[in-house]
Amino acid sequence: MFEIVQAGGILMLPIILCSVLAIAIVIERFWTLKPSRIAPKNMLPDVWSKIKQNQLDASELRDLRNSSALGQILAAGLVNAKSGRTIMIESIEQAAGHVIHEMSRYLNLLGTISQITPLLGLLGTVLGMIRVFSEIMAQGTGNANVLAGGISEALITTAAGLTVAIPTLLFYRFFQRKIDTLVIELERESIKLVDALHSSRTVDYKDSNEKGNNEKDSNEEQPT
């Protein structure tokens, strides 16, 4: 491995640094963007239960705000819930903007790495070929070792740049799609709370399986 890096020339160092940075970002984003950390499934029913029991005080709101991204959005809406539906929605949108910004952290850097590493590889190719032609002009074509070294430098840097850029670009697109999915889930949960507080709707505590079983039982009890 060291021989390959050495043969690739000086531009292998920034390519390797880009690869290490990309791996660190991917690992950090996988941990940060876990659905259980962003939008816990039972959070909204728990919040609604505390609201109905008048247990949602300032301390509970602070804990809710610090618990997750969804908790931060719900807490912002609950603070302004008594100011009307419009003000509550505006507060939720402002909090959601901060949450989305945090979820997108480092993604621009990941996208930049996916774009710059092929260029570094291409630059290595150009420098390698310049070295080859310089040696041809100085010594002719008789020194095969020197020519092979320049060609190796050209090919290795290109391959290394593409090896880093391709998976980095895939992860960049993957995290963008994941954030879009999480944003839809946050919006859905937030709207549920707004409708529950400012309309006749309530938060459903039952999951979809329980609903399906109840509907099935009610259909079986109907006379034919």
Foldseek 3Di string as FASTA:
>chain_A
DVVLLVLQPDLSVVLVVLLVVLVVVLVVLVVQLDCCQAPNPCPLVVVQVCVVVVNCDPVNLVCQCPRHLLSVLQSQLVVCLVVDLVVSVVSSVVSLVVSLVVSCPCLVVLLVLLVVQLVSLQVQLVVLVVQLVVCCVVPNPPPPVSNVSSNSNNVSSNVSSNVRNVVSVVSSVVSVVSSVVSSVVSVVSNVQVSCCSHHVDHDDPDDPVVVVVVVVVVVVPDDD
